[in-house]
Amino acid sequence: MSWTRLSALAVLVFSALGLAHPVVGAASVCLATAVLLVIPGRNNGAVRAMAGVGRISYSLYLIHWPLLVYVKALWLAEPPTLAIWSALVVSFVTSWLLCRFVEVTLPR
């Protein structure tokens, strides 16, 4: 992977840390995503991963919020990190299943 693509991936991963002004963070994520999409590479795993999430994005939009709200409602305080990560994994799997069997029939 080229250094440019690796740097863009690092910006995407570490942008979740947050900056003082949200516009700077949003602009850096947009720029890093553009770099990943525009600069060619032999292994486009990041692009394929983004396309996969894009394919299930509507199902993920529908599923993740009720599931996370339910997980947070089970605890009176902040839920454990494992519970939140488990809810996210279940959200992705359920979203894929919903997209695969309800929204469209994806090629096998």
N, C-alpha and C. Protein backbone atom coordinates (compact mmCIF):
# COMPACT_ATOMS: atom_id res chain seq x y z
N MET A 1 0.85 -1.17 0.00
CA MET A 1 0.00 0.00 0.00
C MET A 1 0.90 1.23 0.00
N SER A 2 0.56 2.19 -0.81
CA SER A 2 1.39 3.39 -0.90
C SER A 2 1.27 4.21 0.38
N TRP A 3 2.26 5.05 0.61
CA TRP A 3 2.26 5.89 1.81
C TRP A 3 1.10 6.87 1.80
N THR A 4 0.71 7.32 0.61
CA THR A 4 -0.40 8.26 0.53
C THR A 4 -1.70 7.59 0.98
N ARG A 5 -1.92 6.36 0.49
CA ARG A 5 -3.13 5.64 0.88
C ARG A 5 -3.09 5.28 2.37
N LEU A 6 -1.92 4.90 2.86
CA LEU A 6 -1.79 4.56 4.28
C LEU A 6 -2.05 5.78 5.16
N SER A 7 -1.56 6.93 4.73
CA SER A 7 -1.81 8.18 5.47
C SER A 7 -3.30 8.52 5.47
N ALA A 8 -3.95 8.33 4.33
CA ALA A 8 -5.39 8.61 4.24
C ALA A 8 -6.16 7.68 5.17
N LEU A 9 -5.77 6.41 5.22
CA LEU A 9 -6.43 5.48 6.14
C LEU A 9 -6.22 5.90 7.59
N ALA A 10 -5.02 6.36 7.91
CA ALA A 10 -4.74 6.81 9.28
C ALA A 10 -5.62 8.01 9.64
N VAL A 11 -5.82 8.92 8.70
CA VAL A 11 -6.69 10.07 8.96
C VAL A 11 -8.10 9.59 9.23
N LEU A 12 -8.59 8.62 8.45
CA LEU A 12 -9.95 8.11 8.65
C LEU A 12 -10.10 7.44 10.02
N VAL A 13 -9.08 6.67 10.41
CA VAL A 13 -9.16 5.96 11.69
C VAL A 13 -9.07 6.92 12.87
N PHE A 14 -8.12 7.84 12.82
CA PHE A 14 -7.88 8.71 13.97
C PHE A 14 -8.73 9.97 13.99
N SER A 15 -9.53 10.19 12.96
CA SER A 15 -10.39 11.37 12.96
C SER A 15 -11.51 11.25 13.98
N ALA A 16 -11.77 10.04 14.43
CA ALA A 16 -12.82 9.83 15.44
C ALA A 16 -12.42 10.42 16.80
N LEU A 17 -11.15 10.79 16.95
CA LEU A 17 -10.71 11.37 18.22
C LEU A 17 -11.32 12.74 18.47
N GLY A 18 -11.72 13.40 17.41
CA GLY A 18 -12.41 14.67 17.54
C GLY A 18 -11.46 15.86 17.56
N LEU A 19 -11.90 16.93 16.97
CA LEU A 19 -11.16 18.18 16.96
C LEU A 19 -12.05 19.26 17.55
N ALA A 20 -11.46 20.43 17.80
CA ALA A 20 -12.21 21.52 18.43
C ALA A 20 -13.37 21.99 17.54
N HIS A 21 -13.16 22.01 16.25
CA HIS A 21 -14.20 22.48 15.33
C HIS A 21 -14.62 21.32 14.43
N PRO A 22 -15.90 20.98 14.35
CA PRO A 22 -16.33 19.80 13.59
C PRO A 22 -16.09 19.90 12.08
N VAL A 23 -16.01 21.10 11.54
CA VAL A 23 -15.80 21.25 10.10
C VAL A 23 -14.43 20.72 9.70
N VAL A 24 -13.43 20.93 10.54
CA VAL A 24 -12.07 20.45 10.24
C VAL A 24 -12.07 18.93 10.21
N GLY A 25 -12.71 18.29 11.17
CA GLY A 25 -12.78 16.83 11.20
C GLY A 25 -13.53 16.28 10.00
N ALA A 26 -14.66 16.89 9.66
CA ALA A 26 -15.44 16.43 8.52
C ALA A 26 -14.68 16.61 7.22
N ALA A 27 -13.99 17.73 7.09
CA ALA A 27 -13.21 17.97 5.86
C ALA A 27 -12.07 16.98 5.75
N SER A 28 -11.42 16.65 6.87
CA SER A 28 -10.31 15.69 6.80
C SER A 28 -10.80 14.30 6.42
N VAL A 29 -11.96 13.90 6.92
CA VAL A 29 -12.51 12.60 6.55
C VAL A 29 -12.88 12.57 5.07
N CYS A 30 -13.49 13.63 4.58
CA CYS A 30 -13.85 13.70 3.15
C CYS A 30 -12.61 13.65 2.27
N LEU A 31 -11.58 14.40 2.65
CA LEU A 31 -10.34 14.42 1.87
C LEU A 31 -9.66 13.05 1.90
N ALA A 32 -9.61 12.41 3.05
CA ALA A 32 -8.98 11.09 3.15
C ALA A 32 -9.75 10.06 2.33
N THR A 33 -11.06 10.12 2.34
CA THR A 33 -11.86 9.20 1.55
C THR A 33 -11.63 9.43 0.06
N ALA A 34 -11.53 10.69 -0.34
CA ALA A 34 -11.25 11.00 -1.75
C ALA A 34 -9.88 10.45 -2.16
N VAL A 35 -8.89 10.57 -1.29
CA VAL A 35 -7.56 10.04 -1.60
C VAL A 35 -7.64 8.53 -1.79
N LEU A 36 -8.37 7.84 -0.91
CA LEU A 36 -8.49 6.38 -1.04
C LEU A 36 -9.18 5.98 -2.34
N LEU A 37 -10.14 6.77 -2.78
CA LEU A 37 -10.88 6.43 -3.98
C LEU A 37 -10.14 6.80 -5.26
N VAL A 38 -9.37 7.88 -5.23
CA VAL A 38 -8.74 8.39 -6.45
C VAL A 38 -7.39 7.75 -6.72
N ILE A 39 -6.56 7.58 -5.71
CA ILE A 39 -5.22 7.05 -5.93
C ILE A 39 -5.31 5.55 -6.16
N PRO A 40 -4.86 5.09 -7.32
CA PRO A 40 -4.96 3.66 -7.61
C PRO A 40 -3.99 2.85 -6.76
N GLY A 41 -4.37 1.63 -6.53
CA GLY A 41 -3.52 0.72 -5.78
C GLY A 41 -3.79 -0.71 -6.22
N ARG A 42 -2.82 -1.57 -5.97
CA ARG A 42 -3.02 -2.97 -6.36
C ARG A 42 -4.08 -3.64 -5.50
N ASN A 43 -4.12 -3.27 -4.23
CA ASN A 43 -5.08 -3.86 -3.31
C ASN A 43 -6.07 -2.78 -2.90
N ASN A 44 -7.26 -2.87 -3.39
CA ASN A 44 -8.28 -1.89 -3.06
C ASN A 44 -9.21 -2.41 -1.97
N GLY A 45 -8.65 -3.02 -0.95
CA GLY A 45 -9.45 -3.57 0.14
C GLY A 45 -10.25 -2.52 0.87
N ALA A 46 -9.64 -1.35 1.08
CA ALA A 46 -10.35 -0.27 1.78
C ALA A 46 -11.53 0.20 0.95
N VAL A 47 -11.34 0.31 -0.36
CA VAL A 47 -12.42 0.75 -1.23
C VAL A 47 -13.53 -0.30 -1.27
N ARG A 48 -13.15 -1.58 -1.35
CA ARG A 48 -14.16 -2.64 -1.32
C ARG A 48 -14.93 -2.65 0.00
N ALA A 49 -14.22 -2.39 1.10
CA ALA A 49 -14.89 -2.34 2.41
C ALA A 49 -15.87 -1.18 2.47
N MET A 50 -15.45 -0.01 1.97
CA MET A 50 -16.35 1.14 1.96
C MET A 50 -17.56 0.88 1.06
N ALA A 51 -17.35 0.20 -0.06
CA ALA A 51 -18.46 -0.12 -0.96
C ALA A 51 -19.42 -1.11 -0.29
N GLY A 52 -18.87 -2.05 0.46
CA GLY A 52 -19.72 -3.00 1.17
C GLY A 52 -20.58 -2.33 2.22
N VAL A 53 -19.99 -1.42 2.97
CA VAL A 53 -20.76 -0.68 3.98
C VAL A 53 -21.78 0.22 3.27
N GLY A 54 -21.40 0.78 2.13
CA GLY A 54 -22.34 1.60 1.37
C GLY A 54 -23.52 0.79 0.86
N ARG A 55 -23.26 -0.47 0.50
CA ARG A 55 -24.32 -1.34 0.00
C ARG A 55 -25.36 -1.61 1.08
N ILE A 56 -24.91 -1.77 2.33
CA ILE A 56 -25.86 -2.09 3.40
C ILE A 56 -26.21 -0.86 4.23
N SER A 57 -25.83 0.33 3.78
CA SER A 57 -25.96 1.53 4.61
C SER A 57 -27.41 1.83 5.01
N TYR A 58 -28.35 1.64 4.11
CA TYR A 58 -29.74 1.95 4.48
C TYR A 58 -30.23 0.97 5.54
N SER A 59 -29.93 -0.31 5.36
CA SER A 59 -30.31 -1.29 6.37
C SER A 59 -29.61 -1.00 7.70
N LEU A 60 -28.36 -0.61 7.63
CA LEU A 60 -27.62 -0.27 8.85
C LEU A 60 -28.23 0.95 9.53
N TYR A 61 -28.65 1.90 8.73
CA TYR A 61 -29.33 3.10 9.25
C TYR A 61 -30.60 2.70 10.00
N LEU A 62 -31.36 1.76 9.46
CA LEU A 62 -32.61 1.33 10.09
C LEU A 62 -32.40 0.51 11.36
N ILE A 63 -31.34 -0.29 11.37
CA ILE A 63 -31.15 -1.27 12.44
C ILE A 63 -30.36 -0.73 13.63
N HIS A 64 -29.31 0.03 13.39
CA HIS A 64 -28.36 0.33 14.47
C HIS A 64 -28.97 1.16 15.60
N TRP A 65 -29.78 2.14 15.27
CA TRP A 65 -30.28 3.03 16.31
C TRP A 65 -31.19 2.32 17.31
N PRO A 66 -32.21 1.59 16.87
CA PRO A 66 -33.05 0.89 17.87
C PRO A 66 -32.26 -0.11 18.70
N LEU A 67 -31.30 -0.78 18.07
CA LEU A 67 -30.52 -1.77 18.80
C LEU A 67 -29.64 -1.11 19.85
N LEU A 68 -28.99 0.00 19.50
CA LEU A 68 -28.15 0.70 20.48
C LEU A 68 -29.00 1.32 21.59
N VAL A 69 -30.17 1.82 21.26
CA VAL A 69 -31.05 2.38 22.29
C VAL A 69 -31.50 1.28 23.24
N TYR A 70 -31.80 0.11 22.71
CA TYR A 70 -32.21 -1.02 23.54
C TYR A 70 -31.08 -1.44 24.48
N VAL A 71 -29.86 -1.50 23.95
CA VAL A 71 -28.70 -1.88 24.78
C VAL A 71 -28.50 -0.85 25.89
N LYS A 72 -28.61 0.44 25.56
CA LYS A 72 -28.44 1.47 26.58
C LYS A 72 -29.58 1.43 27.60
N ALA A 73 -30.77 0.99 27.19
CA ALA A 73 -31.90 0.91 28.13
C ALA A 73 -31.76 -0.25 29.11
N LEU A 74 -30.95 -1.24 28.77
CA LEU A 74 -30.76 -2.38 29.67
C LEU A 74 -29.96 -2.01 30.92
N TRP A 75 -29.11 -0.99 30.82
CA TRP A 75 -28.31 -0.55 31.95
C TRP A 75 -28.82 0.81 32.40
N LEU A 76 -28.83 1.03 33.69
CA LEU A 76 -29.23 2.34 34.19
C LEU A 76 -28.11 3.35 33.99
N ALA A 77 -26.87 2.87 34.02
CA ALA A 77 -25.71 3.73 33.76
C ALA A 77 -25.22 3.45 32.34
N GLU A 78 -24.05 3.93 32.03
CA GLU A 78 -23.47 3.69 30.71
C GLU A 78 -23.21 2.19 30.54
N PRO A 79 -23.64 1.58 29.42
CA PRO A 79 -23.42 0.15 29.24
C PRO A 79 -21.94 -0.16 29.04
N PRO A 80 -21.54 -1.40 29.33
CA PRO A 80 -20.14 -1.78 29.13
C PRO A 80 -19.76 -1.69 27.65
N THR A 81 -18.49 -1.48 27.42
CA THR A 81 -17.99 -1.35 26.05
C THR A 81 -18.28 -2.61 25.24
N LEU A 82 -18.15 -3.76 25.85
CA LEU A 82 -18.42 -5.02 25.15
C LEU A 82 -19.86 -5.08 24.66
N ALA A 83 -20.80 -4.57 25.44
CA ALA A 83 -22.21 -4.58 25.03
C ALA A 83 -22.43 -3.68 23.82
N ILE A 84 -21.78 -2.53 23.81
CA ILE A 84 -21.94 -1.61 22.68
C ILE A 84 -21.31 -2.20 21.43
N TRP A 85 -20.10 -2.75 21.55
CA TRP A 85 -19.44 -3.36 20.39
C TRP A 85 -20.23 -4.57 19.88
N SER A 86 -20.79 -5.34 20.80
CA SER A 86 -21.62 -6.48 20.38
C SER A 86 -22.85 -6.01 19.63
N ALA A 87 -23.46 -4.93 20.10
CA ALA A 87 -24.63 -4.37 19.40
C ALA A 87 -24.25 -3.89 18.01
N LEU A 88 -23.06 -3.31 17.87
CA LEU A 88 -22.62 -2.87 16.54
C LEU A 88 -22.39 -4.05 15.61
N VAL A 89 -21.79 -5.11 16.13
CA VAL A 89 -21.57 -6.31 15.30
C VAL A 89 -22.91 -6.91 14.89
N VAL A 90 -23.84 -7.00 15.83
CA VAL A 90 -25.17 -7.52 15.50
C VAL A 90 -25.86 -6.61 14.49
N SER A 91 -25.65 -5.30 14.61
CA SER A 91 -26.23 -4.35 13.64
C SER A 91 -25.71 -4.61 12.23
N PHE A 92 -24.39 -4.80 12.11
CA PHE A 92 -23.82 -5.04 10.79
C PHE A 92 -24.30 -6.36 10.20
N VAL A 93 -24.33 -7.41 11.01
CA VAL A 93 -24.77 -8.72 10.51
C VAL A 93 -26.25 -8.67 10.13
N THR A 94 -27.07 -8.09 10.98
CA THR A 94 -28.51 -7.98 10.69
C THR A 94 -28.75 -7.11 9.46
N SER A 95 -27.98 -6.04 9.33
CA SER A 95 -28.12 -5.17 8.16
C SER A 95 -27.77 -5.90 6.89
N TRP A 96 -26.70 -6.69 6.93
CA TRP A 96 -26.32 -7.46 5.75
C TRP A 96 -27.43 -8.45 5.40
N LEU A 97 -27.97 -9.14 6.40
CA LEU A 97 -29.04 -10.10 6.15
C LEU A 97 -30.28 -9.41 5.58
N LEU A 98 -30.63 -8.26 6.15
CA LEU A 98 -31.78 -7.51 5.66
C LEU A 98 -31.57 -7.05 4.23
N CYS A 99 -30.38 -6.57 3.93
CA CYS A 99 -30.07 -6.13 2.57
C CYS A 99 -30.07 -7.32 1.61
N ARG A 100 -29.49 -8.42 2.05
CA ARG A 100 -29.33 -9.59 1.18
C ARG A 100 -30.66 -10.26 0.85
N PHE A 101 -31.52 -10.40 1.86
CA PHE A 101 -32.73 -11.19 1.66
C PHE A 101 -34.00 -10.37 1.50
N VAL A 102 -33.96 -9.07 1.82
CA VAL A 102 -35.17 -8.26 1.72
C VAL A 102 -35.04 -7.19 0.64
N GLU A 103 -33.97 -6.37 0.73
CA GLU A 103 -33.83 -5.24 -0.19
C GLU A 103 -33.53 -5.69 -1.61
N VAL A 104 -32.43 -6.35 -1.80
CA VAL A 104 -32.01 -6.80 -3.13
C VAL A 104 -31.38 -8.16 -3.02
N THR A 105 -31.40 -8.87 -4.11
CA THR A 105 -30.69 -10.15 -4.16
C THR A 105 -29.30 -9.85 -4.71
N LEU A 106 -28.30 -9.97 -3.85
CA LEU A 106 -26.92 -9.67 -4.25
C LEU A 106 -26.35 -10.85 -5.01
N PRO A 107 -25.45 -10.59 -5.96
CA PRO A 107 -24.82 -11.70 -6.66
C PRO A 107 -23.97 -12.53 -5.71
N ARG A 108 -23.99 -13.81 -5.92
CA ARG A 108 -23.20 -14.71 -5.06
C ARG A 108 -21.83 -14.89 -5.57
